[in-house]
C-alpha atoms as a PDB file:
ATOM      1  CA  UNK A   1       0.270   0.006   0.239  1.00  0.00           C
ATOM      2  CA  UNK A   2       1.551   3.194  -1.114  1.00  0.00           C
ATOM      3  CA  UNK A   3       0.784   5.050   1.748  1.00  0.00           C
ATOM      4  CA  UNK A   4       3.165   2.672   3.876  1.00  0.00           C
ATOM      5  CA  UNK A   5       5.504   4.768   1.557  1.00  0.00           C
ATOM      6  CA  UNK A   6       5.087   8.228   2.871  1.00  0.00           C
ATOM      7  CA  UNK A   7       6.123   9.236   6.628  1.00  0.00           C
ATOM      8  CA  UNK A   8       4.094  11.929   7.932  1.00  0.00           C
ATOM      9  CA  UNK A   9       5.874  14.915   6.433  1.00  0.00           C
ATOM     10  CA  UNK A  10       4.909  13.652   3.034  1.00  0.00           C
ATOM     11  CA  UNK A  11       1.446  12.736   4.162  1.00  0.00           C
ATOM     12  CA  UNK A  12       0.883  16.563   5.284  1.00  0.00           C
ATOM     13  CA  UNK A  13       2.600  18.030   2.218  1.00  0.00           C
ATOM     14  CA  UNK A  14      -0.103  15.912   0.145  1.00  0.00           C
ATOM     15  CA  UNK A  15      -2.993  17.238   1.737  1.00  0.00           C
ATOM     16  CA  UNK A  16      -2.058  20.900   1.700  1.00  0.00           C
ATOM     17  CA  UNK A  17      -1.413  20.124  -1.848  1.00  0.00           C
ATOM     18  CA  UNK A  18      -5.253  18.538  -2.327  1.00  0.00           C
ATOM     19  CA  UNK A  19      -6.760  21.295   0.036  1.00  0.00           C
ATOM     20  CA  UNK A  20      -5.143  24.235  -1.380  1.00  0.00           C
ATOM     21  CA  UNK A  21      -5.973  23.255  -5.359  1.00  0.00           C
ATOM     22  CA  UNK A  22      -9.797  21.879  -4.318  1.00  0.00           C
ATOM     23  CA  UNK A  23      -9.900  25.493  -2.990  1.00  0.00           C
ATOM     24  CA  UNK A  24      -8.215  27.577  -5.375  1.00  0.00           C
ATOM     25  CA  UNK A  25      -7.807  25.581  -8.741  1.00  0.00           C
ATOM     26  CA  UNK A  26      -4.303  26.713  -9.276  1.00  0.00           C
ATOM     27  CA  UNK A  27      -0.705  24.848  -9.321  1.00  0.00           C
ATOM     28  CA  UNK A  28       0.581  25.464  -5.478  1.00  0.00           C
ATOM     29  CA  UNK A  29       4.406  25.588  -5.256  1.00  0.00           C
ATOM     30  CA  UNK A  30       6.536  25.114  -1.998  1.00  0.00           C
ATOM     31  CA  UNK A  31       7.048  28.898  -1.200  1.00  0.00           C
ATOM     32  CA  UNK A  32       3.392  28.550  -0.675  1.00  0.00           C
ATOM     33  CA  UNK A  33       3.146  25.562   1.468  1.00  0.00           C
ATOM     34  CA  UNK A  34       5.665  27.067   3.958  1.00  0.00           C
ATOM     35  CA  UNK A  35       4.366  30.454   3.968  1.00  0.00           C
ATOM     36  CA  UNK A  36      -0.190  29.127   4.322  1.00  0.00           C
ATOM     37  CA  UNK A  37       0.455  25.849   5.887  1.00  0.00           C
ATOM     38  CA  UNK A  38       2.910  26.122   8.697  1.00  0.00           C
ATOM     39  CA  UNK A  39       4.347  22.657   8.707  1.00  0.00           C
ATOM     40  CA  UNK A  40       7.322  24.025  10.262  1.00  0.00           C
ATOM     41  CA  UNK A  41       9.761  22.918   8.070  1.00  0.00           C
ATOM     42  CA  UNK A  42      11.571  24.744   5.155  1.00  0.00           C
ATOM     43  CA  UNK A  43      10.346  25.364   1.334  1.00  0.00           C
ATOM     44  CA  UNK A  44      13.668  23.710   0.318  1.00  0.00           C
ATOM     45  CA  UNK A  45      12.529  20.531   3.000  1.00  0.00           C
ATOM     46  CA  UNK A  46       9.179  20.964   1.075  1.00  0.00           C
ATOM     47  CA  UNK A  47      10.223  20.746  -2.034  1.00  0.00           C
ATOM     48  CA  UNK A  48      12.201  17.491  -1.701  1.00  0.00           C
ATOM     49  CA  UNK A  49       9.439  15.810  -0.332  1.00  0.00           C
ATOM     50  CA  UNK A  50       7.028  16.906  -3.504  1.00  0.00           C
ATOM     51  CA  UNK A  51       9.823  15.619  -5.623  1.00  0.00           C
ATOM     52  CA  UNK A  52       9.191  12.406  -4.062  1.00  0.00           C
ATOM     53  CA  UNK A  53       5.144  12.871  -3.906  1.00  0.00           C
ATOM     54  CA  UNK A  54       6.096  13.371  -7.852  1.00  0.00           C
ATOM     55  CA  UNK A  55       7.742  10.261  -7.921  1.00  0.00           C
ATOM     56  CA  UNK A  56       5.387   8.023  -6.469  1.00  0.00           C
ATOM     57  CA  UNK A  57       2.737   9.199  -9.167  1.00  0.00           C
ATOM     58  CA  UNK A  58       0.703  11.566  -6.252  1.00  0.00           C
ATOM     59  CA  UNK A  59       1.287  14.806  -7.730  1.00  0.00           C
ATOM     60  CA  UNK A  60       2.124  16.180 -11.223  1.00  0.00           C
ATOM     61  CA  UNK A  61       3.453  19.521 -12.694  1.00  0.00           C
ATOM     62  CA  UNK A  62       1.179  20.826 -15.458  1.00  0.00           C
ATOM     63  CA  UNK A  63       3.837  23.300 -16.549  1.00  0.00           C
ATOM     64  CA  UNK A  64       7.639  23.773 -16.037  1.00  0.00           C
ATOM     65  CA  UNK A  65       7.417  26.948 -14.135  1.00  0.00           C
ATOM     66  CA  UNK A  66       4.155  26.070 -12.203  1.00  0.00           C
ATOM     67  CA  UNK A  67       3.875  24.646  -8.932  1.00  0.00           C
ATOM     68  CA  UNK A  68       2.475  21.231  -8.404  1.00  0.00           C
ATOM     69  CA  UNK A  69      -1.331  19.718  -8.597  1.00  0.00           C
ATOM     70  CA  UNK A  70      -2.731  16.290  -7.026  1.00  0.00           C
ATOM     71  CA  UNK A  71      -2.826  13.823  -9.617  1.00  0.00           C
ATOM     72  CA  UNK A  72      -5.584  11.382  -9.565  1.00  0.00           C
ATOM     73  CA  UNK A  73      -3.619   8.725  -7.816  1.00  0.00           C
ATOM     74  CA  UNK A  74      -3.181  11.594  -4.937  1.00  0.00           C
ATOM     75  CA  UNK A  75      -6.918  12.272  -4.687  1.00  0.00           C
ATOM     76  CA  UNK A  76      -7.505   8.014  -4.444  1.00  0.00           C
ATOM     77  CA  UNK A  77      -5.397   7.886  -1.139  1.00  0.00           C
ATOM     78  CA  UNK A  78      -6.922  11.172  -0.113  1.00  0.00           C
ATOM     79  CA  UNK A  79     -10.500   9.940  -0.379  1.00  0.00           C
ATOM     80  CA  UNK A  80      -9.481   6.532   1.336  1.00  0.00           C
ATOM     81  CA  UNK A  81      -7.296   7.161   3.792  1.00  0.00           C
ATOM     82  CA  UNK A  82      -6.669  11.077   4.593  1.00  0.00           C
ATOM     83  CA  UNK A  83     -10.347  12.673   4.367  1.00  0.00           C
ATOM     84  CA  UNK A  84     -11.887  13.749   7.165  1.00  0.00           C
ATOM     85  CA  UNK A  85     -15.729  12.658   7.835  1.00  0.00           C
ATOM     86  CA  UNK A  86     -17.531  16.445   7.832  1.00  0.00           C
ATOM     87  CA  UNK A  87     -21.253  16.705   9.454  1.00  0.00           C
ATOM     88  CA  UNK A  88     -23.936  18.916   7.831  1.00  0.00           C
ATOM     89  CA  UNK A  89     -23.942  22.536   8.972  1.00  0.00           C
ATOM     90  CA  UNK A  90     -27.367  23.806   9.981  1.00  0.00           C
ATOM     91  CA  UNK A  91     -27.598  26.422   6.899  1.00  0.00           C
ATOM     92  CA  UNK A  92     -27.469  23.051   4.814  1.00  0.00           C
ATOM     93  CA  UNK A  93     -29.457  20.757   6.670  1.00  0.00           C
ATOM     94  CA  UNK A  94     -32.566  23.335   6.641  1.00  0.00           C
ATOM     95  CA  UNK A  95     -31.533  24.042   2.615  1.00  0.00           C
ATOM     96  CA  UNK A  96     -32.366  20.351   2.395  1.00  0.00           C
ATOM     97  CA  UNK A  97     -35.120  20.047   4.735  1.00  0.00           C
ATOM     98  CA  UNK A  98     -37.014  22.986   2.611  1.00  0.00           C
ATOM     99  CA  UNK A  99     -35.608  22.179  -0.508  1.00  0.00           C
ATOM    100  CA  UNK A 100     -37.302  18.484  -0.465  1.00  0.00           C
ATOM    101  CA  UNK A 101     -40.930  18.044   0.100  1.00  0.00           C
ATOM    102  CA  UNK A 102     -41.126  14.484   1.079  1.00  0.00           C
ATOM    103  CA  UNK A 103     -45.408  14.261   1.794  1.00  0.00           C
ATOM    104  CA  UNK A 104     -45.932  14.366  -1.841  1.00  0.00           C
ATOM    105  CA  UNK A 105     -46.280  11.066  -2.942  1.00  0.00           C
ATOM    106  CA  UNK A 106     -44.913  10.277  -6.371  1.00  0.00           C
ATOM    107  CA  UNK A 107     -41.640   9.150  -6.884  1.00  0.00           C
ATOM    108  CA  UNK A 108     -40.579  11.285  -9.942  1.00  0.00           C
ATOM    109  CA  UNK A 109     -41.941  14.812  -8.235  1.00  0.00           C
ATOM    110  CA  UNK A 110     -39.850  13.711  -4.848  1.00  0.00           C
ATOM    111  CA  UNK A 111     -36.537  12.699  -7.453  1.00  0.00           C
ATOM    112  CA  UNK A 112     -36.465  15.962  -9.576  1.00  0.00           C
ATOM    113  CA  UNK A 113     -36.614  17.856  -5.972  1.00  0.00           C
ATOM    114  CA  UNK A 114     -33.841  16.084  -5.046  1.00  0.00           C
ATOM    115  CA  UNK A 115     -31.842  16.339  -8.075  1.00  0.00           C
ATOM    116  CA  UNK A 116     -32.770  19.919  -8.520  1.00  0.00           C
ATOM    117  CA  UNK A 117     -31.342  20.157  -4.416  1.00  0.00           C
ATOM    118  CA  UNK A 118     -28.230  18.609  -4.552  1.00  0.00           C
ATOM    119  CA  UNK A 119     -26.825  20.444  -7.533  1.00  0.00           C
ATOM    120  CA  UNK A 120     -27.703  24.057  -5.835  1.00  0.00           C
ATOM    121  CA  UNK A 121     -25.935  22.513  -2.526  1.00  0.00           C
ATOM    122  CA  UNK A 122     -22.960  21.345  -4.018  1.00  0.00           C
ATOM    123  CA  UNK A 123     -22.844  23.658  -7.523  1.00  0.00           C
ATOM    124  CA  UNK A 124     -22.369  20.508  -9.038  1.00  0.00           C
ATOM    125  CA  UNK A 125     -24.234  17.953 -11.569  1.00  0.00           C
ATOM    126  CA  UNK A 126     -26.318  15.681 -10.627  1.00  0.00           C
ATOM    127  CA  UNK A 127     -27.902  12.096 -11.833  1.00  0.00           C
ATOM    128  CA  UNK A 128     -30.344  10.258 -10.524  1.00  0.00           C
ATOM    129  CA  UNK A 129     -32.348   7.060 -11.804  1.00  0.00           C
ATOM    130  CA  UNK A 130     -36.304   6.343 -10.805  1.00  0.00           C
ATOM    131  CA  UNK A 131     -36.381   2.912  -8.598  1.00  0.00           C
ATOM    132  CA  UNK A 132     -36.169  -0.264 -10.491  1.00  0.00           C
ATOM    133  CA  UNK A 133     -36.759  -3.903  -8.936  1.00  0.00           C
ATOM    134  CA  UNK A 134     -36.663  -7.321 -10.458  1.00  0.00           C
ATOM    135  CA  UNK A 135     -39.660  -7.899  -8.797  1.00  0.00           C
ATOM    136  CA  UNK A 136     -42.046  -5.019  -9.555  1.00  0.00           C
ATOM    137  CA  UNK A 137     -45.509  -5.378  -7.825  1.00  0.00           C
ATOM    138  CA  UNK A 138     -48.277  -3.426  -9.358  1.00  0.00           C
ATOM    139  CA  UNK A 139     -50.867  -1.503  -7.343  1.00  0.00           C
ATOM    140  CA  UNK A 140     -52.904  -0.381 -10.088  1.00  0.00           C
ATOM    141  CA  UNK A 141     -53.718   0.811 -13.351  1.00  0.00           C
ATOM    142  CA  UNK A 142     -56.242   3.578 -13.897  1.00  0.00           C
ATOM    143  CA  UNK A 143     -57.593   3.522 -17.626  1.00  0.00           C
ATOM    144  CA  UNK A 144     -58.705   7.509 -18.787  1.00  0.00           C
ATOM    145  CA  UNK A 145     -60.515   8.042 -22.073  1.00  0.00           C
ATOM    146  CA  UNK A 146     -59.070  10.153 -24.375  1.00  0.00           C
ATOM    147  CA  UNK A 147     -61.096   9.158 -27.654  1.00  0.00           C
ATOM    148  CA  UNK A 148     -62.793   6.569 -29.490  1.00  0.00           C
ATOM    149  CA  UNK A 149     -59.595   4.653 -29.986  1.00  0.00           C
ATOM    150  CA  UNK A 150     -57.526   5.745 -27.117  1.00  0.00           C
ATOM    151  CA  UNK A 151     -57.360   5.913 -23.511  1.00  0.00           C
ATOM    152  CA  UNK A 152     -54.203   7.179 -21.063  1.00  0.00           C
ATOM    153  CA  UNK A 153     -53.153   4.161 -18.476  1.00  0.00           C
ATOM    154  CA  UNK A 154     -51.563   5.509 -15.752  1.00  0.00           C
ATOM    155  CA  UNK A 155     -49.709   2.396 -14.025  1.00  0.00           C
ATOM    156  CA  UNK A 156     -48.810   2.974 -10.798  1.00  0.00           C
ATOM    157  CA  UNK A 157     -46.095   0.327  -8.945  1.00  0.00           C
ATOM    158  CA  UNK A 158     -46.204  -0.669  -5.158  1.00  0.00           C
ATOM    159  CA  UNK A 159     -43.096   1.293  -4.900  1.00  0.00           C
ATOM    160  CA  UNK A 160     -44.940   4.492  -5.247  1.00  0.00           C
ATOM    161  CA  UNK A 161     -43.671   4.430  -9.340  1.00  0.00           C
ATOM    162  CA  UNK A 162     -45.675   6.080 -11.705  1.00  0.00           C
ATOM    163  CA  UNK A 163     -45.796   5.912 -15.417  1.00  0.00           C
ATOM    164  CA  UNK A 164     -48.154   7.055 -17.896  1.00  0.00           C
ATOM    165  CA  UNK A 165     -48.887   5.567 -21.736  1.00  0.00           C
ATOM    166  CA  UNK A 166     -51.625   6.150 -24.861  1.00  0.00           C
ATOM    167  CA  UNK A 167     -53.162   2.897 -25.565  1.00  0.00           C
ATOM    168  CA  UNK A 168     -54.644   2.836 -28.940  1.00  0.00           C
ATOM    169  CA  UNK A 169     -57.076   0.614 -30.077  1.00  0.00           C
ATOM    170  CA  UNK A 170     -60.148   0.344 -32.613  1.00  0.00           C
ATOM    171  CA  UNK A 171     -62.547  -1.450 -29.689  1.00  0.00           C
ATOM    172  CA  UNK A 172     -62.278   1.246 -27.022  1.00  0.00           C
ATOM    173  CA  UNK A 173     -64.885   1.069 -24.355  1.00  0.00           C
ATOM    174  CA  UNK A 174     -66.840   3.456 -23.321  1.00  0.00           C
ATOM    175  CA  UNK A 175     -68.696   4.606 -20.021  1.00  0.00           C
ATOM    176  CA  UNK A 176     -69.225   1.872 -17.355  1.00  0.00           C
ATOM    177  CA  UNK A 177     -68.204  -0.857 -19.531  1.00  0.00           C
ATOM    178  CA  UNK A 178     -64.097   1.219 -19.695  1.00  0.00           C
ATOM    179  CA  UNK A 179     -64.738   1.325 -15.739  1.00  0.00           C
ATOM    180  CA  UNK A 180     -65.832  -2.424 -15.546  1.00  0.00           C
ATOM    181  CA  UNK A 181     -62.911  -3.527 -17.341  1.00  0.00           C
ATOM    182  CA  UNK A 182     -60.238  -1.207 -15.245  1.00  0.00           C
ATOM    183  CA  UNK A 183     -61.849  -2.757 -11.805  1.00  0.00           C
ATOM    184  CA  UNK A 184     -61.609  -6.282 -13.258  1.00  0.00           C
ATOM    185  CA  UNK A 185     -57.610  -5.441 -14.616  1.00  0.00           C
ATOM    186  CA  UNK A 186     -56.790  -4.643 -11.216  1.00  0.00           C
ATOM    187  CA  UNK A 187     -58.407  -7.473  -9.244  1.00  0.00           C
ATOM    188  CA  UNK A 188     -56.178  -9.869 -10.989  1.00  0.00           C
ATOM    189  CA  UNK A 189     -53.003  -7.530 -11.202  1.00  0.00           C
ATOM    190  CA  UNK A 190     -52.713  -5.357  -7.778  1.00  0.00           C
ATOM    191  CA  UNK A 191     -50.807  -6.474  -5.212  1.00  0.00           C
ATOM    192  CA  UNK A 192     -48.993  -9.360  -7.533  1.00  0.00           C
ATOM    193  CA  UNK A 193     -44.964  -9.970  -8.860  1.00  0.00           C
ATOM    194  CA  UNK A 194     -45.398  -9.535 -12.647  1.00  0.00           C
ATOM    195  CA  UNK A 195     -43.858 -12.914 -12.824  1.00  0.00           C
ATOM    196  CA  UNK A 196     -46.590 -14.187 -10.231  1.00  0.00           C
ATOM    197  CA  UNK A 197     -49.686 -13.192 -12.334  1.00  0.00           C
ATOM    198  CA  UNK A 198     -51.988 -15.999 -12.676  1.00  0.00           C
ATOM    199  CA  UNK A 199     -52.213 -16.877 -16.501  1.00  0.00           C
ATOM    200  CA  UNK A 200     -55.767 -18.528 -15.864  1.00  0.00           C
ATOM    201  CA  UNK A 201     -57.141 -15.502 -14.542  1.00  0.00           C
ATOM    202  CA  UNK A 202     -55.729 -13.537 -17.253  1.00  0.00           C
ATOM    203  CA  UNK A 203     -57.911 -15.937 -20.052  1.00  0.00           C
ATOM    204  CA  UNK A 204     -60.965 -15.387 -17.481  1.00  0.00           C
ATOM    205  CA  UNK A 205     -60.101 -11.868 -18.139  1.00  0.00           C
ATOM    206  CA  UNK A 206     -60.235 -11.840 -21.843  1.00  0.00           C
ATOM    207  CA  UNK A 207     -63.384 -14.117 -21.312  1.00  0.00           C
ATOM    208  CA  UNK A 208     -65.307 -12.047 -19.376  1.00  0.00           C
ATOM    209  CA  UNK A 209     -65.206  -9.052 -22.146  1.00  0.00           C
ATOM    210  CA  UNK A 210     -64.849 -10.713 -25.110  1.00  0.00           C
ATOM    211  CA  UNK A 211     -65.731  -8.152 -27.621  1.00  0.00           C
ATOM    212  CA  UNK A 212     -62.939  -5.881 -26.006  1.00  0.00           C
ATOM    213  CA  UNK A 213     -60.493  -8.442 -26.206  1.00  0.00           C
ATOM    214  CA  UNK A 214     -58.115  -7.185 -28.648  1.00  0.00           C
ATOM    215  CA  UNK A 215     -58.710  -4.017 -25.865  1.00  0.00           C
ATOM    216  CA  UNK A 216     -57.638  -5.860 -23.040  1.00  0.00           C
ATOM    217  CA  UNK A 217     -55.033  -7.659 -24.633  1.00  0.00           C
ATOM    218  CA  UNK A 218     -52.953  -4.654 -25.367  1.00  0.00           C
ATOM    219  CA  UNK A 219     -53.573  -3.063 -21.959  1.00  0.00           C
ATOM    220  CA  UNK A 220     -52.024  -5.758 -20.262  1.00  0.00           C
ATOM    221  CA  UNK A 221     -49.204  -5.923 -22.819  1.00  0.00           C
ATOM    222  CA  UNK A 222     -48.554  -2.504 -22.354  1.00  0.00           C
ATOM    223  CA  UNK A 223     -48.701  -2.116 -18.645  1.00  0.00           C
ATOM    224  CA  UNK A 224     -45.603  -5.098 -18.428  1.00  0.00           C
ATOM    225  CA  UNK A 225     -43.737  -3.612 -20.978  1.00  0.00           C
ATOM    226  CA  UNK A 226     -43.764  -0.647 -19.752  1.00  0.00           C
ATOM    227  CA  UNK A 227     -42.853  -1.140 -15.871  1.00  0.00           C
ATOM    228  CA  UNK A 228     -40.372  -3.628 -17.544  1.00  0.00           C
ATOM    229  CA  UNK A 229     -38.559  -2.123 -20.263  1.00  0.00           C
ATOM    230  CA  UNK A 230     -34.933  -0.412 -18.837  1.00  0.00           C
ATOM    231  CA  UNK A 231     -35.802   1.645 -21.873  1.00  0.00           C
ATOM    232  CA  UNK A 232     -38.265   3.690 -20.281  1.00  0.00           C
ATOM    233  CA  UNK A 233     -36.126   4.076 -16.992  1.00  0.00           C
ATOM    234  CA  UNK A 234     -36.344   7.710 -16.266  1.00  0.00           C
ATOM    235  CA  UNK A 235     -32.989   9.605 -15.267  1.00  0.00           C
ATOM    236  CA  UNK A 236     -33.366  12.700 -13.767  1.00  0.00           C
ATOM    237  CA  UNK A 237     -30.303  15.824 -14.112  1.00  0.00           C
ATOM    238  CA  UNK A 238     -29.815  19.099 -12.617  1.00  0.00           C
ATOM    239  CA  UNK A 239     -26.907  21.114 -12.846  1.00  0.00           C
ATOM    240  CA  UNK A 240     -25.211  20.489 -16.142  1.00  0.00           C
ATOM    241  CA  UNK A 241     -24.712  24.017 -16.831  1.00  0.00           C
ATOM    242  CA  UNK A 242     -22.829  24.192 -13.297  1.00  0.00           C
ATOM    243  CA  UNK A 243     -19.639  22.211 -14.699  1.00  0.00           C
ATOM    244  CA  UNK A 244     -18.798  24.889 -16.752  1.00  0.00           C
ATOM    245  CA  UNK A 245     -18.372  27.568 -13.809  1.00  0.00           C
ATOM    246  CA  UNK A 246     -15.150  25.488 -13.383  1.00  0.00           C
ATOM    247  CA  UNK A 247     -12.044  27.019 -15.139  1.00  0.00           C
ATOM    248  CA  UNK A 248     -10.948  23.135 -15.697  1.00  0.00           C
ATOM    249  CA  UNK A 249     -13.766  22.654 -18.506  1.00  0.00           C
ATOM    250  CA  UNK A 250     -13.151  26.253 -20.172  1.00  0.00           C
ATOM    251  CA  UNK A 251     -11.592  24.118 -23.200  1.00  0.00           C
ATOM    252  CA  UNK A 252     -14.852  24.270 -25.043  1.00  0.00           C
ATOM    253  CA  UNK A 253     -14.035  20.727 -26.880  1.00  0.00           C
ATOM    254  CA  UNK A 254     -13.821  19.147 -23.081  1.00  0.00           C
ATOM    255  CA  UNK A 255     -16.659  20.808 -21.696  1.00  0.00           C
ATOM    256  CA  UNK A 256     -18.671  19.095 -25.376  1.00  0.00           C
ATOM    257  CA  UNK A 257     -17.524  15.586 -24.446  1.00  0.00           C
ATOM    258  CA  UNK A 258     -18.935  16.076 -20.848  1.00  0.00           C
ATOM    259  CA  UNK A 259     -22.659  17.469 -22.152  1.00  0.00           C
ATOM    260  CA  UNK A 260     -22.801  14.704 -24.858  1.00  0.00           C
ATOM    261  CA  UNK A 261     -21.549  11.680 -21.961  1.00  0.00           C
ATOM    262  CA  UNK A 262     -24.502  13.671 -20.374  1.00  0.00           C
ATOM    263  CA  UNK A 263     -27.363  12.737 -22.728  1.00  0.00           C
ATOM    264  CA  UNK A 264     -25.894   9.198 -23.138  1.00  0.00           C
ATOM    265  CA  UNK A 265     -28.818   7.714 -20.928  1.00  0.00           C
ATOM    266  CA  UNK A 266     -27.359   4.010 -21.117  1.00  0.00           C
ATOM    267  CA  UNK A 267     -24.153   4.940 -20.362  1.00  0.00           C
ATOM    268  CA  UNK A 268     -24.541   6.957 -17.666  1.00  0.00           C
ATOM    269  CA  UNK A 269     -26.844   4.398 -15.764  1.00  0.00           C
ATOM    270  CA  UNK A 270     -24.173   1.768 -16.066  1.00  0.00           C
ATOM    271  CA  UNK A 271     -21.789   4.699 -14.889  1.00  0.00           C
ATOM    272  CA  UNK A 272     -23.973   4.908 -11.554  1.00  0.00           C
ATOM    273  CA  UNK A 273     -23.996   0.797 -11.094  1.00  0.00           C
ATOM    274  CA  UNK A 274     -26.360  -2.068 -10.408  1.00  0.00           C
ATOM    275  CA  UNK A 275     -29.693  -0.913  -9.474  1.00  0.00           C
ATOM    276  CA  UNK A 276     -30.155  -3.973  -7.312  1.00  0.00           C
ATOM    277  CA  UNK A 277     -27.405  -3.441  -4.684  1.00  0.00           C
ATOM    278  CA  UNK A 278     -28.526  -3.293  -1.363  1.00  0.00           C
ATOM    279  CA  UNK A 279     -25.573  -1.367   0.051  1.00  0.00           C
ATOM    280  CA  UNK A 280     -26.212   2.403   0.451  1.00  0.00           C
ATOM    281  CA  UNK A 281     -22.366   2.812   0.776  1.00  0.00           C
ATOM    282  CA  UNK A 282     -20.955   5.666  -1.146  1.00  0.00           C
ATOM    283  CA  UNK A 283     -18.538   4.865  -3.720  1.00  0.00           C
ATOM    284  CA  UNK A 284     -15.836   7.140  -5.396  1.00  0.00           C
ATOM    285  CA  UNK A 285     -14.881   7.078  -9.235  1.00  0.00           C
ATOM    286  CA  UNK A 286     -12.319   9.267  -9.704  1.00  0.00           C
ATOM    287  CA  UNK A 287     -10.612  10.323 -13.113  1.00  0.00           C
ATOM    288  CA  UNK A 288      -9.210   7.122 -15.098  1.00  0.00           C
ATOM    289  CA  UNK A 289     -11.352   5.528 -12.749  1.00  0.00           C
ATOM    290  CA  UNK A 290     -14.672   6.169 -14.882  1.00  0.00           C
ATOM    291  CA  UNK A 291     -14.914   4.227 -17.901  1.00  0.00           C
ATOM    292  CA  UNK A 292     -16.413   7.120 -20.227  1.00  0.00           C
ATOM    293  CA  UNK A 293     -13.705   8.743 -22.037  1.00  0.00           C
ATOM    294  CA  UNK A 294     -15.494  11.964 -21.710  1.00  0.00           C
ATOM    295  CA  UNK A 295     -16.051  11.884 -17.960  1.00  0.00           C
ATOM    296  CA  UNK A 296     -11.981  10.950 -17.307  1.00  0.00           C
ATOM    297  CA  UNK A 297     -11.561  14.465 -16.235  1.00  0.00           C
ATOM    298  CA  UNK A 298     -14.557  14.407 -13.801  1.00  0.00           C
ATOM    299  CA  UNK A 299     -15.283  12.036 -10.262  1.00  0.00           C
ATOM    300  CA  UNK A 300     -18.258  10.825  -9.679  1.00  0.00           C
ATOM    301  CA  UNK A 301     -19.672  10.406  -6.080  1.00  0.00           C
ATOM    302  CA  UNK A 302     -22.817   7.568  -6.379  1.00  0.00           C
ATOM    303  CA  UNK A 303     -24.884   5.365  -3.903  1.00  0.00           C
ATOM    304  CA  UNK A 304     -28.194   3.656  -3.791  1.00  0.00           C
ATOM    305  CA  UNK A 305     -31.379   4.797  -2.397  1.00  0.00           C
ATOM    306  CA  UNK A 306     -33.750   2.285  -1.318  1.00  0.00           C
ATOM    307  CA  UNK A 307     -37.637   2.531  -1.491  1.00  0.00           C
ATOM    308  CA  UNK A 308     -39.645  -0.056  -0.001  1.00  0.00           C
ATOM    309  CA  UNK A 309     -38.218  -4.000   0.589  1.00  0.00           C
ATOM    310  CA  UNK A 310     -36.712  -4.373  -2.620  1.00  0.00           C
ATOM    311  CA  UNK A 311     -36.452  -1.516  -5.357  1.00  0.00           C
ATOM    312  CA  UNK A 312     -33.647   0.426  -6.051  1.00  0.00           C
ATOM    313  CA  UNK A 313     -32.465   3.576  -7.253  1.00  0.00           C
ATOM    314  CA  UNK A 314     -29.081   5.533  -7.500  1.00  0.00           C
ATOM    315  CA  UNK A 315     -27.859   8.963  -7.693  1.00  0.00           C
ATOM    316  CA  UNK A 316     -24.653  10.580  -8.719  1.00  0.00           C
ATOM    317  CA  UNK A 317     -22.982  13.770  -8.465  1.00  0.00           C
ATOM    318  CA  UNK A 318     -20.498  14.806 -11.123  1.00  0.00           C
ATOM    319  CA  UNK A 319     -18.192  17.177 -10.620  1.00  0.00           C
ATOM    320  CA  UNK A 320     -14.456  17.686 -11.323  1.00  0.00           C
ATOM    321  CA  UNK A 321     -11.665  15.887  -9.574  1.00  0.00           C
ATOM    322  CA  UNK A 322     -10.836  18.354  -7.611  1.00  0.00           C
ATOM    323  CA  UNK A 323     -14.372  18.667  -6.365  1.00  0.00           C
ATOM    324  CA  UNK A 324     -15.235  18.852  -2.289  1.00  0.00           C
ATOM    325  CA  UNK A 325     -15.469  15.413  -1.690  1.00  0.00           C
ATOM    326  CA  UNK A 326     -16.224  15.636   1.935  1.00  0.00           C
ATOM    327  CA  UNK A 327     -18.859  18.084   1.614  1.00  0.00           C
ATOM    328  CA  UNK A 328     -20.146  15.838  -1.372  1.00  0.00           C
ATOM    329  CA  UNK A 329     -20.345  12.790   0.995  1.00  0.00           C
ATOM    330  CA  UNK A 330     -21.744  14.377   3.201  1.00  0.00           C
ATOM    331  CA  UNK A 331     -24.600  15.503   1.234  1.00  0.00           C
ATOM    332  CA  UNK A 332     -24.935  12.652  -0.504  1.00  0.00           C
ATOM    333  CA  UNK A 333     -25.297  10.354   2.557  1.00  0.00           C
ATOM    334  CA  UNK A 334     -27.878  12.861   4.488  1.00  0.00           C
ATOM    335  CA  UNK A 335     -30.087  12.363   1.412  1.00  0.00           C
ATOM    336  CA  UNK A 336     -29.424   8.913   1.247  1.00  0.00           C
ATOM    337  CA  UNK A 337     -30.430   8.467   4.814  1.00  0.00           C
ATOM    338  CA  UNK A 338     -33.491   9.992   4.301  1.00  0.00           C
ATOM    339  CA  UNK A 339     -34.850   8.961   1.357  1.00  0.00           C
ATOM    340  CA  UNK A 340     -34.406   5.603   2.881  1.00  0.00           C
ATOM    341  CA  UNK A 341     -35.962   6.485   6.055  1.00  0.00           C
ATOM    342  CA  UNK A 342     -38.787   8.122   4.462  1.00  0.00           C
ATOM    343  CA  UNK A 343     -39.471   5.844   1.440  1.00  0.00           C
ATOM    344  CA  UNK A 344     -39.450   2.312   3.874  1.00  0.00           C
END
């Protein structure tokens, strides 16, 4: 382990370089470290130690006449071994309390509010996936007539996910008959896992309404497809423009690459990880640890949240590699705990 190769003095110098660069985004030299951080050693000694840190790949020199900045390897050592835990400030706690309304029944609204609040509080970009489950349980389907050939199906699952889809059919029932069919469909699917819905009950359902057989079949088909299809997994983002405020992304081509990555829904879902991982611990990917080429100048702090007993979603916060890791982890951990508690 590389930390074993570092004495206390080297660790303090590395921490000073990382702390300063996170705050100022400027390379730092030995004289500035000596004046600013009061380590009790001369600039010459600091220079020698910095040379060793550079050989170990923990810091790097961006320009020949500049000071040093942390490398991805240096950030990893800092995050794993040196970063101090941090409690939310009273102001941060109050902000999150006021910004996110958990008394609203729809997951969709809660996730939008959460993404917006995290982006505002951290000044980074937030990406959230809706909760999904390998064992999806339907709560009910509400059918609302649009016209003679179409209805809106409002599909609600036990984990409070709500999805809407338009169903078109040549035999859309009207009035009371639509209401009866709706009630009968719910009697078959309510509280049952998709994989466990009784085929005999479905067959009887089709027999009960022979003149609307095609319509009932289409409702069931659309309901199952809507709930299970990964193509319909919603992704909530907020604060993408925040990244433009960081000098690292003043290069237009680099910024374009990041914005392209934020448009790649499937890749972002992969980056955030397994949606059925029950662990809610915070994970950090730094720079080159990211698989997406466009995000190799970024760090991603991510964790899973839980809704009910079997549904999981993911939250990721994307920022520059010099992000304030301590604050970001603290804010994300607080949000995860709150969601898990409210949505239990």
